[in-house]
Amino acid sequence: AASATVALNMVVYQIVDLATYPSLVVGYTLDVEQSISPWVVTASSYMVIALGLAANLLNIRVATELYTWMLGLILLPFAVGLILSVKSWPVAWAAAIGRAPSTLEPV
């Protein structure tokens, strides 16, 4: 019974949660760059679901290593952005605590 619950939880996670992130990223990209076809949003969601399903069919050690690498790839842009934003941290912190305006005055 417990293994069936875990399996059902993984299926729901694969279909709902994992498909959300690529859809959001592509959706945000569509807001900025209109040259991407809208079908990419749908295709990316199904691709993530299929890759997750394929990874779950692998040996547990192989799947664990694959998920670790995928997590690293997913977090890499955030790490790069964090490193590139270091020089702006004092300005952002001053705006966050109210010591500096968070918006520019109109010209």
N, C-alpha and C. Protein backbone atom coordinates (compact mmCIF):
# COMPACT_ATOMS: atom_id res chain seq x y z
N ALA A 1 0.82 -1.19 0.00
CA ALA A 1 0.00 0.00 0.00
C ALA A 1 0.87 1.25 0.00
N ALA A 2 1.93 1.23 0.79
CA ALA A 2 2.81 2.41 0.86
C ALA A 2 3.52 2.63 -0.47
N SER A 3 3.95 1.55 -1.11
CA SER A 3 4.66 1.70 -2.39
C SER A 3 3.71 2.22 -3.47
N ALA A 4 2.45 1.84 -3.42
CA ALA A 4 1.47 2.35 -4.40
C ALA A 4 1.24 3.84 -4.19
N THR A 5 1.22 4.27 -2.94
CA THR A 5 1.05 5.69 -2.65
C THR A 5 2.24 6.50 -3.15
N VAL A 6 3.44 5.97 -2.93
CA VAL A 6 4.65 6.64 -3.41
C VAL A 6 4.66 6.70 -4.93
N ALA A 7 4.27 5.62 -5.58
CA ALA A 7 4.23 5.59 -7.03
C ALA A 7 3.22 6.60 -7.57
N LEU A 8 2.05 6.68 -6.96
CA LEU A 8 1.05 7.65 -7.39
C LEU A 8 1.55 9.08 -7.17
N ASN A 9 2.21 9.31 -6.05
CA ASN A 9 2.78 10.62 -5.77
C ASN A 9 3.80 11.01 -6.83
N MET A 10 4.64 10.08 -7.25
CA MET A 10 5.64 10.36 -8.29
C MET A 10 4.98 10.66 -9.63
N VAL A 11 3.92 9.95 -9.96
CA VAL A 11 3.22 10.20 -11.22
C VAL A 11 2.63 11.62 -11.22
N VAL A 12 1.98 11.98 -10.13
CA VAL A 12 1.41 13.33 -10.03
C VAL A 12 2.51 14.37 -10.09
N TYR A 13 3.61 14.12 -9.40
CA TYR A 13 4.76 15.04 -9.42
C TYR A 13 5.29 15.20 -10.84
N GLN A 14 5.44 14.08 -11.53
CA GLN A 14 5.97 14.12 -12.90
C GLN A 14 5.05 14.92 -13.81
N ILE A 15 3.77 14.70 -13.72
CA ILE A 15 2.83 15.33 -14.65
C ILE A 15 2.58 16.79 -14.31
N VAL A 16 2.40 17.10 -13.05
CA VAL A 16 2.01 18.46 -12.67
C VAL A 16 3.21 19.34 -12.40
N ASP A 17 4.04 18.93 -11.47
CA ASP A 17 5.11 19.81 -11.00
C ASP A 17 6.22 19.99 -12.02
N LEU A 18 6.77 18.90 -12.54
CA LEU A 18 7.88 19.03 -13.48
C LEU A 18 7.48 19.74 -14.77
N ALA A 19 6.26 19.57 -15.20
CA ALA A 19 5.82 20.22 -16.44
C ALA A 19 5.58 21.72 -16.24
N THR A 20 5.45 22.15 -15.00
CA THR A 20 5.18 23.56 -14.73
C THR A 20 6.38 24.44 -15.06
N TYR A 21 7.57 24.03 -14.67
CA TYR A 21 8.75 24.88 -14.79
C TYR A 21 9.12 25.21 -16.24
N PRO A 22 9.21 24.24 -17.13
CA PRO A 22 9.53 24.64 -18.51
C PRO A 22 8.43 25.49 -19.13
N SER A 23 7.18 25.23 -18.75
CA SER A 23 6.08 26.05 -19.27
C SER A 23 6.22 27.49 -18.80
N LEU A 24 6.57 27.68 -17.54
CA LEU A 24 6.76 29.03 -17.02
C LEU A 24 7.92 29.73 -17.71
N VAL A 25 9.04 29.03 -17.85
CA VAL A 25 10.22 29.64 -18.47
C VAL A 25 9.92 30.03 -19.91
N VAL A 26 9.33 29.14 -20.66
CA VAL A 26 9.00 29.45 -22.05
C VAL A 26 7.93 30.54 -22.10
N GLY A 27 6.98 30.51 -21.18
CA GLY A 27 5.97 31.55 -21.12
C GLY A 27 6.57 32.92 -20.85
N TYR A 28 7.52 32.98 -19.90
CA TYR A 28 8.21 34.24 -19.63
C TYR A 28 9.00 34.69 -20.84
N THR A 29 9.62 33.75 -21.52
CA THR A 29 10.38 34.09 -22.71
C THR A 29 9.46 34.64 -23.80
N LEU A 30 8.28 34.05 -23.94
CA LEU A 30 7.31 34.56 -24.92
C LEU A 30 6.89 35.99 -24.59
N ASP A 31 6.81 36.33 -23.30
CA ASP A 31 6.46 37.70 -22.92
C ASP A 31 7.52 38.69 -23.38
N VAL A 32 8.77 38.26 -23.36
CA VAL A 32 9.88 39.15 -23.73
C VAL A 32 10.19 39.07 -25.22
N GLU A 33 10.24 37.86 -25.74
CA GLU A 33 10.63 37.63 -27.13
C GLU A 33 9.49 36.93 -27.84
N GLN A 34 8.83 37.64 -28.76
CA GLN A 34 7.63 37.13 -29.42
C GLN A 34 7.92 36.17 -30.57
N SER A 35 9.19 35.95 -30.92
CA SER A 35 9.50 35.13 -32.08
C SER A 35 9.42 33.63 -31.80
N ILE A 36 9.23 33.22 -30.56
CA ILE A 36 9.12 31.80 -30.23
C ILE A 36 7.69 31.36 -30.47
N SER A 37 7.52 30.23 -31.13
CA SER A 37 6.19 29.71 -31.42
C SER A 37 5.50 29.26 -30.13
N PRO A 38 4.21 29.52 -29.98
CA PRO A 38 3.49 29.11 -28.76
C PRO A 38 3.48 27.60 -28.54
N TRP A 39 3.61 26.80 -29.59
CA TRP A 39 3.59 25.35 -29.43
C TRP A 39 4.79 24.86 -28.63
N VAL A 40 5.85 25.68 -28.53
CA VAL A 40 7.03 25.30 -27.77
C VAL A 40 6.68 25.11 -26.29
N VAL A 41 5.75 25.92 -25.78
CA VAL A 41 5.32 25.80 -24.38
C VAL A 41 4.74 24.41 -24.13
N THR A 42 3.84 23.97 -24.99
CA THR A 42 3.22 22.67 -24.83
C THR A 42 4.23 21.55 -25.05
N ALA A 43 5.03 21.66 -26.09
CA ALA A 43 6.01 20.61 -26.39
C ALA A 43 7.03 20.46 -25.27
N SER A 44 7.46 21.57 -24.67
CA SER A 44 8.47 21.47 -23.60
C SER A 44 7.88 20.78 -22.38
N SER A 45 6.62 21.01 -22.10
CA SER A 45 5.99 20.34 -20.95
C SER A 45 5.95 18.83 -21.16
N TYR A 46 5.51 18.41 -22.33
CA TYR A 46 5.45 16.98 -22.61
C TYR A 46 6.83 16.35 -22.65
N MET A 47 7.83 17.10 -23.12
CA MET A 47 9.19 16.58 -23.17
C MET A 47 9.72 16.33 -21.76
N VAL A 48 9.46 17.25 -20.85
CA VAL A 48 9.91 17.08 -19.46
C VAL A 48 9.22 15.89 -18.82
N ILE A 49 7.93 15.72 -19.08
CA ILE A 49 7.21 14.57 -18.53
C ILE A 49 7.81 13.27 -19.07
N ALA A 50 8.06 13.21 -20.37
CA ALA A 50 8.62 11.99 -20.98
C ALA A 50 10.02 11.70 -20.45
N LEU A 51 10.85 12.74 -20.30
CA LEU A 51 12.20 12.53 -19.77
C LEU A 51 12.16 12.07 -18.31
N GLY A 52 11.25 12.64 -17.54
CA GLY A 52 11.10 12.20 -16.15
C GLY A 52 10.64 10.76 -16.05
N LEU A 53 9.71 10.38 -16.89
CA LEU A 53 9.24 9.00 -16.92
C LEU A 53 10.37 8.06 -17.31
N ALA A 54 11.13 8.42 -18.33
CA ALA A 54 12.25 7.58 -18.77
C ALA A 54 13.29 7.45 -17.66
N ALA A 55 13.56 8.55 -16.96
CA ALA A 55 14.55 8.49 -15.87
C ALA A 55 14.07 7.59 -14.74
N ASN A 56 12.77 7.59 -14.48
CA ASN A 56 12.24 6.74 -13.41
C ASN A 56 12.28 5.26 -13.77
N LEU A 57 12.39 4.94 -15.04
CA LEU A 57 12.48 3.54 -15.45
C LEU A 57 13.91 3.00 -15.36
N LEU A 58 14.87 3.88 -15.10
CA LEU A 58 16.28 3.48 -15.00
C LEU A 58 16.57 2.84 -13.65
N ASN A 59 17.74 2.22 -13.57
CA ASN A 59 18.26 1.72 -12.32
C ASN A 59 18.34 2.88 -11.33
N ILE A 60 18.11 2.63 -10.04
CA ILE A 60 18.04 3.70 -9.05
C ILE A 60 19.35 4.49 -8.96
N ARG A 61 20.48 3.85 -9.09
CA ARG A 61 21.76 4.58 -9.03
C ARG A 61 21.95 5.48 -10.25
N VAL A 62 21.58 4.97 -11.41
CA VAL A 62 21.68 5.76 -12.63
C VAL A 62 20.70 6.94 -12.57
N ALA A 63 19.49 6.67 -12.11
CA ALA A 63 18.49 7.73 -11.99
C ALA A 63 18.93 8.80 -11.01
N THR A 64 19.52 8.39 -9.89
CA THR A 64 20.01 9.35 -8.90
C THR A 64 21.09 10.23 -9.48
N GLU A 65 22.02 9.63 -10.19
CA GLU A 65 23.09 10.42 -10.81
C GLU A 65 22.52 11.36 -11.87
N LEU A 66 21.58 10.88 -12.65
CA LEU A 66 20.94 11.71 -13.67
C LEU A 66 20.22 12.89 -13.04
N TYR A 67 19.44 12.64 -11.98
CA TYR A 67 18.73 13.72 -11.31
C TYR A 67 19.69 14.72 -10.68
N THR A 68 20.83 14.25 -10.18
CA THR A 68 21.82 15.15 -9.60
C THR A 68 22.39 16.08 -10.67
N TRP A 69 22.72 15.53 -11.83
CA TRP A 69 23.23 16.36 -12.93
C TRP A 69 22.15 17.33 -13.43
N MET A 70 20.91 16.85 -13.52
CA MET A 70 19.83 17.73 -13.97
C MET A 70 19.61 18.87 -12.98
N LEU A 71 19.70 18.57 -11.69
CA LEU A 71 19.57 19.62 -10.68
C LEU A 71 20.68 20.65 -10.83
N GLY A 72 21.89 20.18 -11.07
CA GLY A 72 23.01 21.10 -11.30
C GLY A 72 22.78 21.99 -12.51
N LEU A 73 22.28 21.41 -13.59
CA LEU A 73 22.00 22.21 -14.79
C LEU A 73 20.87 23.21 -14.56
N ILE A 74 19.88 22.80 -13.77
CA ILE A 74 18.77 23.71 -13.49
C ILE A 74 19.23 24.87 -12.62
N LEU A 75 20.10 24.61 -11.66
CA LEU A 75 20.56 25.65 -10.74
C LEU A 75 21.68 26.50 -11.30
N LEU A 76 22.34 26.05 -12.36
CA LEU A 76 23.48 26.78 -12.92
C LEU A 76 23.14 28.21 -13.34
N PRO A 77 22.04 28.47 -14.05
CA PRO A 77 21.74 29.87 -14.40
C PRO A 77 21.54 30.77 -13.19
N PHE A 78 20.96 30.22 -12.11
CA PHE A 78 20.78 31.01 -10.91
C PHE A 78 22.12 31.33 -10.26
N ALA A 79 23.03 30.35 -10.25
CA ALA A 79 24.36 30.59 -9.68
C ALA A 79 25.11 31.63 -10.49
N VAL A 80 25.04 31.54 -11.80
CA VAL A 80 25.70 32.53 -12.66
C VAL A 80 25.10 33.92 -12.43
N GLY A 81 23.78 34.00 -12.37
CA GLY A 81 23.12 35.27 -12.12
C GLY A 81 23.49 35.85 -10.76
N LEU A 82 23.61 35.00 -9.77
CA LEU A 82 24.00 35.44 -8.44
C LEU A 82 25.41 36.02 -8.46
N ILE A 83 26.31 35.34 -9.13
CA ILE A 83 27.69 35.82 -9.23
C ILE A 83 27.75 37.14 -10.00
N LEU A 84 27.02 37.23 -11.09
CA LEU A 84 27.04 38.45 -11.89
C LEU A 84 26.38 39.65 -11.19
N SER A 85 25.53 39.38 -10.21
CA SER A 85 24.83 40.47 -9.53
C SER A 85 25.50 40.94 -8.25
N VAL A 86 26.63 40.38 -7.89
CA VAL A 86 27.28 40.71 -6.62
C VAL A 86 27.50 42.21 -6.46
N LYS A 87 27.94 42.88 -7.50
CA LYS A 87 28.23 44.31 -7.37
C LYS A 87 26.97 45.15 -7.15
N SER A 88 25.79 44.61 -7.42
CA SER A 88 24.54 45.34 -7.22
C SER A 88 23.88 45.05 -5.88
N TRP A 89 24.44 44.15 -5.09
CA TRP A 89 23.83 43.77 -3.82
C TRP A 89 23.63 44.95 -2.87
N PRO A 90 24.62 45.85 -2.70
CA PRO A 90 24.39 46.98 -1.77
C PRO A 90 23.23 47.87 -2.20
N VAL A 91 23.10 48.12 -3.50
CA VAL A 91 22.01 48.95 -4.01
C VAL A 91 20.67 48.25 -3.78
N ALA A 92 20.60 46.96 -4.06
CA ALA A 92 19.36 46.20 -3.88
C ALA A 92 18.99 46.14 -2.40
N TRP A 93 19.96 45.95 -1.54
CA TRP A 93 19.68 45.88 -0.11
C TRP A 93 19.18 47.24 0.40
N ALA A 94 19.79 48.32 -0.06
CA ALA A 94 19.34 49.66 0.35
C ALA A 94 17.90 49.91 -0.09
N ALA A 95 17.53 49.45 -1.27
CA ALA A 95 16.14 49.60 -1.74
C ALA A 95 15.21 48.71 -0.94
N ALA A 96 15.67 47.51 -0.60
CA ALA A 96 14.82 46.57 0.14
C ALA A 96 14.49 47.06 1.54
N ILE A 97 15.45 47.73 2.19
CA ILE A 97 15.19 48.18 3.55
C ILE A 97 14.69 49.62 3.60
N GLY A 98 14.51 50.25 2.43
CA GLY A 98 13.92 51.57 2.38
C GLY A 98 14.88 52.73 2.49
N ARG A 99 16.16 52.49 2.41
CA ARG A 99 17.14 53.58 2.50
C ARG A 99 17.39 54.25 1.15
N ALA A 100 16.93 53.63 0.09
CA ALA A 100 17.10 54.18 -1.25
C ALA A 100 15.80 53.94 -2.01
N PRO A 101 15.47 54.81 -2.97
CA PRO A 101 14.26 54.56 -3.75
C PRO A 101 14.41 53.32 -4.62
N SER A 102 13.33 52.57 -4.76
CA SER A 102 13.39 51.36 -5.57
C SER A 102 13.09 51.63 -7.03
N THR A 103 12.64 52.84 -7.34
CA THR A 103 12.38 53.22 -8.73
C THR A 103 13.05 54.55 -9.02
N LEU A 104 13.27 54.81 -10.29
CA LEU A 104 13.88 56.07 -10.71
C LEU A 104 12.80 57.14 -10.83
N GLU A 105 13.19 58.39 -10.61
CA GLU A 105 12.28 59.50 -10.80
C GLU A 105 12.00 59.67 -12.29
N PRO A 106 10.78 60.04 -12.65
CA PRO A 106 10.50 60.28 -14.07
C PRO A 106 11.30 61.47 -14.59
N VAL A 107 11.69 61.38 -15.82
CA VAL A 107 12.51 62.44 -16.42
C VAL A 107 11.63 63.48 -17.07
